[in-house]
C-alpha cells in the first residue's frame, strides 16, 4: 500500500488509516518533497506533479516495489491516477480521496488563498484555532481533542518550540503561478478504463463536485464510489464508512 498526501499535507494524515491497513499489507506513507521529513526544494518551480511522480517512481525502484495499490488524498489522488496510467503493470488499483480529473474552481480559489500565506502562530493553542478556522467547514462536528490531533498533523515545532507549518510555503507560490490552473486530466482518466478505482467524496466538498463524479461514473462504469456525509475536502479516512469501502475495494484486487 502506497499512501500519498495532499498539497500541503504529509504522511501523518494516514496515522489512523495506516495501522488499520498494516495488519494485512505493507504500508508506505512517504512525504512528498517539501513536506514533513522530506527536504525543501530550493527551486519552488520544482513543486509540480511531474517531479512528484518521478520521485515516487524512484522510490518504488529503490524499494523494489513490484506491485502496489495506491491511496491518494487530493493531490495524492491526482498522482495516483498519473502513476496508474504510467505504470499499469505495477499498480493493482487506486483509491482517490476527494479529487477528480478536474477540480471545482471554488475550492481551488480557496486553497490558493491560504496555501503558504497564513500568518505565523505563537503557541499550539493559536495553531489549533488557525487550523480550525481554515478547515472548520470541511470537518464539522469534530471535538476539541480531534482538532488538537489534526493540528499536530499539519504543524511541527521549530528549534524554539514554536509551531510552524510542516511544509514549504513556496508550495503555495508554485500553485498560484500555474498558468490556467491544473492540467486537464480527463485524457489520463480515459487511460484508466481497466484500472480498478474507488473514489471517495466528501458530501460538502468544494473540490470534487457531484457533476465531475457523475461524469467519472459515466466514463468508467465499473468505478466504485462513496460519498462521506458531513465531510468536505477531504474526508479523513478514519470514518467507518470510508474504512469499510477501502477494505472491500482492496480485498477485491488481484495482486
Protein backbone atom coordinates (compact mmCIF):
# COMPACT_ATOMS: atom_id res chain seq x y z
CA UNK A 1 0.00 0.00 0.00
CA UNK A 2 1.33 3.40 -1.01
CA UNK A 3 -0.40 6.35 0.72
CA UNK A 4 0.08 9.79 -0.87
CA UNK A 5 -0.99 13.03 0.90
CA UNK A 6 -2.40 16.30 -0.38
CA UNK A 7 -0.87 19.61 -1.46
CA UNK A 8 0.16 20.99 1.94
CA UNK A 9 -0.14 17.71 3.83
CA UNK A 10 2.27 14.98 4.89
CA UNK A 11 2.45 11.32 5.83
CA UNK A 12 0.86 11.91 9.25
CA UNK A 13 -2.52 12.27 7.52
CA UNK A 14 -2.52 8.46 7.41
CA UNK A 15 -1.70 7.85 11.07
CA UNK A 16 -5.18 6.37 11.61
CA UNK A 17 -5.54 4.56 8.28
CA UNK A 18 -2.04 3.09 8.06
CA UNK A 19 -2.24 0.94 11.24
CA UNK A 20 -5.66 -0.28 10.10
CA UNK A 21 -4.17 -1.44 6.80
CA UNK A 22 -0.87 -2.68 8.23
CA UNK A 23 -2.47 -5.81 9.69
CA UNK A 24 -2.85 -7.10 6.11
CA UNK A 25 -0.48 -5.09 3.89
CA UNK A 26 2.92 -3.48 3.87
CA UNK A 27 2.09 0.23 4.11
CA UNK A 28 4.36 3.05 2.89
CA UNK A 29 3.50 6.69 3.64
CA UNK A 30 6.14 8.94 2.04
CA UNK A 31 6.38 12.70 2.46
CA UNK A 32 6.41 14.45 -0.91
CA UNK A 33 9.30 16.84 -1.48
CA UNK A 34 8.90 19.99 0.60
CA UNK A 35 6.69 18.35 3.23
CA UNK A 36 7.26 16.65 6.55
CA UNK A 37 10.65 14.92 6.78
CA UNK A 38 11.46 15.40 3.09
CA UNK A 39 13.83 18.21 2.14
CA UNK A 40 12.64 21.59 0.93
CA UNK A 41 13.46 22.21 -2.72
CA UNK A 42 15.41 25.46 -3.26
CA UNK A 43 13.69 25.82 -6.64
CA UNK A 44 10.00 26.30 -5.90
CA UNK A 45 9.05 25.65 -9.53
CA UNK A 46 10.03 22.03 -8.91
CA UNK A 47 6.88 21.62 -6.82
CA UNK A 48 4.75 20.14 -9.58
CA UNK A 49 3.13 16.77 -10.32
CA UNK A 50 5.67 15.71 -12.93
CA UNK A 51 8.53 15.72 -10.44
CA UNK A 52 6.40 14.23 -7.67
CA UNK A 53 5.61 11.28 -9.96
CA UNK A 54 9.30 10.91 -10.82
CA UNK A 55 10.15 10.96 -7.10
CA UNK A 56 7.61 8.22 -6.37
CA UNK A 57 8.76 6.09 -9.30
CA UNK A 58 12.32 6.38 -7.96
CA UNK A 59 11.10 5.35 -4.51
CA UNK A 60 9.36 2.32 -6.00
CA UNK A 61 12.56 1.36 -7.84
CA UNK A 62 14.75 1.74 -4.74
CA UNK A 63 12.37 -0.35 -2.63
CA UNK A 64 11.78 -2.85 -5.45
CA UNK A 65 8.00 -2.45 -5.26
CA UNK A 66 6.82 -4.76 -8.00
CA UNK A 67 3.10 -4.17 -7.40
CA UNK A 68 1.25 -1.64 -5.25
CA UNK A 69 -2.19 -0.29 -4.54
CA UNK A 70 -2.29 3.47 -4.04
CA UNK A 71 -4.43 5.62 -1.78
CA UNK A 72 -4.17 9.32 -2.57
CA UNK A 73 -5.83 12.33 -0.98
CA UNK A 74 -6.38 15.41 -3.17
CA UNK A 75 -3.02 16.00 -4.90
CA UNK A 76 -2.10 12.46 -3.85
CA UNK A 77 -5.15 11.24 -5.78
CA UNK A 78 -4.00 13.05 -8.91
CA UNK A 79 -0.59 11.42 -8.52
CA UNK A 80 -2.29 8.04 -8.08
CA UNK A 81 -4.06 8.48 -11.42
CA UNK A 82 -0.86 9.58 -13.16
CA UNK A 83 1.09 6.65 -11.72
CA UNK A 84 -1.64 4.16 -12.63
CA UNK A 85 -1.61 5.42 -16.22
CA UNK A 86 2.19 5.35 -16.44
CA UNK A 87 2.75 2.03 -14.62
CA UNK A 88 -0.37 -0.10 -15.21
CA UNK A 89 1.51 -3.36 -14.60
CA UNK A 90 2.81 -2.20 -11.22
CA UNK A 91 -0.41 -0.61 -9.91
CA UNK A 92 -3.12 -3.04 -8.81
CA UNK A 93 -5.72 -0.36 -8.09
CA UNK A 94 -6.18 3.14 -6.74
CA UNK A 95 -8.29 4.86 -4.10
CA UNK A 96 -8.81 8.54 -4.93
CA UNK A 97 -9.87 10.71 -1.99
CA UNK A 98 -11.91 13.79 -2.95
CA UNK A 99 -10.36 14.69 -6.29
CA UNK A 100 -11.13 14.03 -9.94
CA UNK A 101 -9.74 14.80 -13.39
CA UNK A 102 -10.87 18.40 -12.88
CA UNK A 103 -11.30 20.44 -9.71
CA UNK A 104 -14.07 22.81 -8.74
CA UNK A 105 -12.79 26.40 -9.24
CA UNK A 106 -14.34 27.43 -5.91
CA UNK A 107 -12.14 25.05 -3.98
CA UNK A 108 -9.05 25.87 -5.98
CA UNK A 109 -9.50 29.55 -5.23
CA UNK A 110 -9.92 28.78 -1.53
CA UNK A 111 -6.67 26.77 -1.44
CA UNK A 112 -4.80 29.45 -3.40
CA UNK A 113 -5.96 31.94 -0.81
CA UNK A 114 -4.31 30.24 2.16
CA UNK A 115 -1.51 27.91 0.95
CA UNK A 116 1.73 29.40 2.23
CA UNK A 117 0.04 32.70 3.16
CA UNK A 118 -1.33 32.18 6.68
CA UNK A 119 0.28 34.26 9.44
CA UNK A 120 2.64 32.60 11.95
CA UNK A 121 1.32 31.39 15.29
CA UNK A 122 2.95 31.65 18.70
CA UNK A 123 1.53 28.64 20.52
CA UNK A 124 -0.24 25.33 19.96
CA UNK A 125 -3.49 26.93 21.09
CA UNK A 126 -3.13 29.51 18.31
CA UNK A 127 -2.22 26.76 15.83
CA UNK A 128 -5.36 24.80 16.74
CA UNK A 129 -7.52 27.91 16.39
CA UNK A 130 -5.97 28.70 12.99
CA UNK A 131 -6.36 25.15 11.72
CA UNK A 132 -9.96 25.11 12.87
CA UNK A 133 -10.68 28.42 11.15
CA UNK A 134 -9.28 27.19 7.83
CA UNK A 135 -10.88 23.72 7.89
CA UNK A 136 -13.94 24.09 10.10
CA UNK A 137 -16.43 23.99 7.25
CA UNK A 138 -14.85 20.83 5.85
CA UNK A 139 -14.95 18.89 9.12
CA UNK A 140 -17.99 19.99 11.12
CA UNK A 141 -18.77 18.40 14.45
CA UNK A 142 -15.24 17.43 15.49
CA UNK A 143 -14.33 17.57 19.17
CA UNK A 144 -11.64 19.79 20.66
CA UNK A 145 -9.49 16.68 21.10
CA UNK A 146 -9.86 15.78 17.42
CA UNK A 147 -8.87 19.29 16.37
CA UNK A 148 -5.77 19.06 18.54
CA UNK A 149 -4.78 15.76 16.87
CA UNK A 150 -5.41 17.11 13.37
CA UNK A 151 -3.39 20.24 14.07
CA UNK A 152 -0.40 18.14 15.14
CA UNK A 153 -0.55 16.51 11.71
CA UNK A 154 -0.14 19.83 9.91
CA UNK A 155 2.29 21.73 12.16
CA UNK A 156 5.61 20.87 13.78
CA UNK A 157 7.76 22.64 16.36
CA UNK A 158 10.76 24.65 15.19
CA UNK A 159 14.05 24.92 17.08
CA UNK A 160 12.48 27.32 19.59
CA UNK A 161 9.48 25.07 20.23
CA UNK A 162 7.06 27.28 18.28
CA UNK A 163 4.54 25.59 15.97
CA UNK A 164 5.18 26.15 12.25
CA UNK A 165 3.60 24.71 9.14
CA UNK A 166 5.10 21.36 8.18
CA UNK A 167 5.50 22.28 4.52
CA UNK A 168 7.47 24.73 2.41
CA UNK A 169 5.35 27.88 1.96
CA UNK A 170 6.68 28.14 -1.59
CA UNK A 171 4.41 25.23 -2.49
CA UNK A 172 1.64 27.81 -2.48
CA UNK A 173 3.61 30.04 -4.80
CA UNK A 174 4.02 27.18 -7.25
CA UNK A 175 0.28 26.56 -7.25
CA UNK A 176 -0.55 30.23 -7.78
CA UNK A 177 1.98 30.50 -10.60
CA UNK A 178 0.42 27.65 -12.59
CA UNK A 179 -0.96 29.33 -15.69
CA UNK A 180 -4.59 28.44 -16.30
CA UNK A 181 -4.83 26.21 -13.22
CA UNK A 182 -4.27 22.44 -13.07
CA UNK A 183 -3.85 20.42 -16.22
CA UNK A 184 -6.87 18.68 -17.73
CA UNK A 185 -6.59 15.07 -16.55
CA UNK A 186 -9.59 13.66 -18.43
CA UNK A 187 -7.27 12.12 -21.06
CA UNK A 188 -5.34 10.43 -18.23
CA UNK A 189 -8.60 9.22 -16.71
CA UNK A 190 -9.55 7.73 -20.08
CA UNK A 191 -6.41 5.59 -19.92
CA UNK A 192 -7.65 4.00 -16.68
CA UNK A 193 -10.58 2.09 -18.18
CA UNK A 194 -9.16 -1.23 -16.95
CA UNK A 195 -7.75 0.09 -13.66
CA UNK A 196 -9.76 -0.77 -10.51
CA UNK A 197 -10.67 2.51 -8.83
CA UNK A 198 -12.56 3.68 -5.76
CA UNK A 199 -13.44 7.38 -5.48
CA UNK A 200 -14.30 8.80 -2.07
CA UNK A 201 -16.03 12.18 -2.00
CA UNK A 202 -16.89 14.42 0.91
CA UNK A 203 -20.57 15.39 0.85
CA UNK A 204 -19.57 19.05 1.44
CA UNK A 205 -16.57 19.04 -0.91
CA UNK A 206 -15.72 22.18 -2.86
CA UNK A 207 -13.02 20.35 -4.87
CA UNK A 208 -14.75 17.25 -6.26
CA UNK A 209 -18.18 18.32 -7.49
CA UNK A 210 -21.15 15.95 -7.92
CA UNK A 211 -21.08 16.75 -11.63
CA UNK A 212 -17.46 15.64 -12.06
CA UNK A 213 -18.08 12.47 -10.05
CA UNK A 214 -21.10 11.77 -12.24
CA UNK A 215 -19.03 12.13 -15.40
CA UNK A 216 -16.39 9.81 -13.92
CA UNK A 217 -19.09 7.18 -13.35
CA UNK A 218 -20.41 7.56 -16.89
CA UNK A 219 -16.98 7.27 -18.48
CA UNK A 220 -15.91 4.39 -16.24
CA UNK A 221 -18.95 2.20 -15.49
CA UNK A 222 -17.03 -0.09 -13.11
CA UNK A 223 -15.98 2.86 -10.93
CA UNK A 224 -16.70 2.32 -7.24
CA UNK A 225 -17.61 5.41 -5.23
CA UNK A 226 -18.58 6.55 -1.76
CA UNK A 227 -19.86 9.89 -0.50
CA UNK A 228 -18.96 10.51 3.14
CA UNK A 229 -21.61 12.58 4.96
CA UNK A 230 -20.62 15.75 6.85
CA UNK A 231 -17.19 15.89 5.29
CA UNK A 232 -15.79 18.47 2.90
CA UNK A 233 -12.34 18.47 1.38
CA UNK A 234 -11.17 15.96 2.24
CA UNK A 235 -12.56 13.02 4.22
CA UNK A 236 -10.14 12.00 6.96
CA UNK A 237 -10.29 8.29 6.02
CA UNK A 238 -10.97 7.31 9.62
CA UNK A 239 -14.74 7.41 9.06
CA UNK A 240 -16.29 3.92 9.48
CA UNK A 241 -17.92 4.01 6.05
CA UNK A 242 -14.65 5.07 4.40
CA UNK A 243 -12.69 2.30 6.14
CA UNK A 244 -15.29 -0.28 5.14
CA UNK A 245 -15.28 0.86 1.50
CA UNK A 246 -11.48 0.80 1.34
CA UNK A 247 -11.37 -2.67 2.90
CA UNK A 248 -13.90 -4.03 0.39
CA UNK A 249 -12.10 -2.46 -2.54
CA UNK A 250 -8.66 -3.73 -1.56
CA UNK A 251 -9.98 -7.23 -0.84
CA UNK A 252 -11.25 -7.41 -4.41
CA UNK A 253 -7.96 -6.52 -6.09
CA UNK A 254 -5.86 -9.09 -7.92
CA UNK A 255 -2.34 -8.96 -6.56
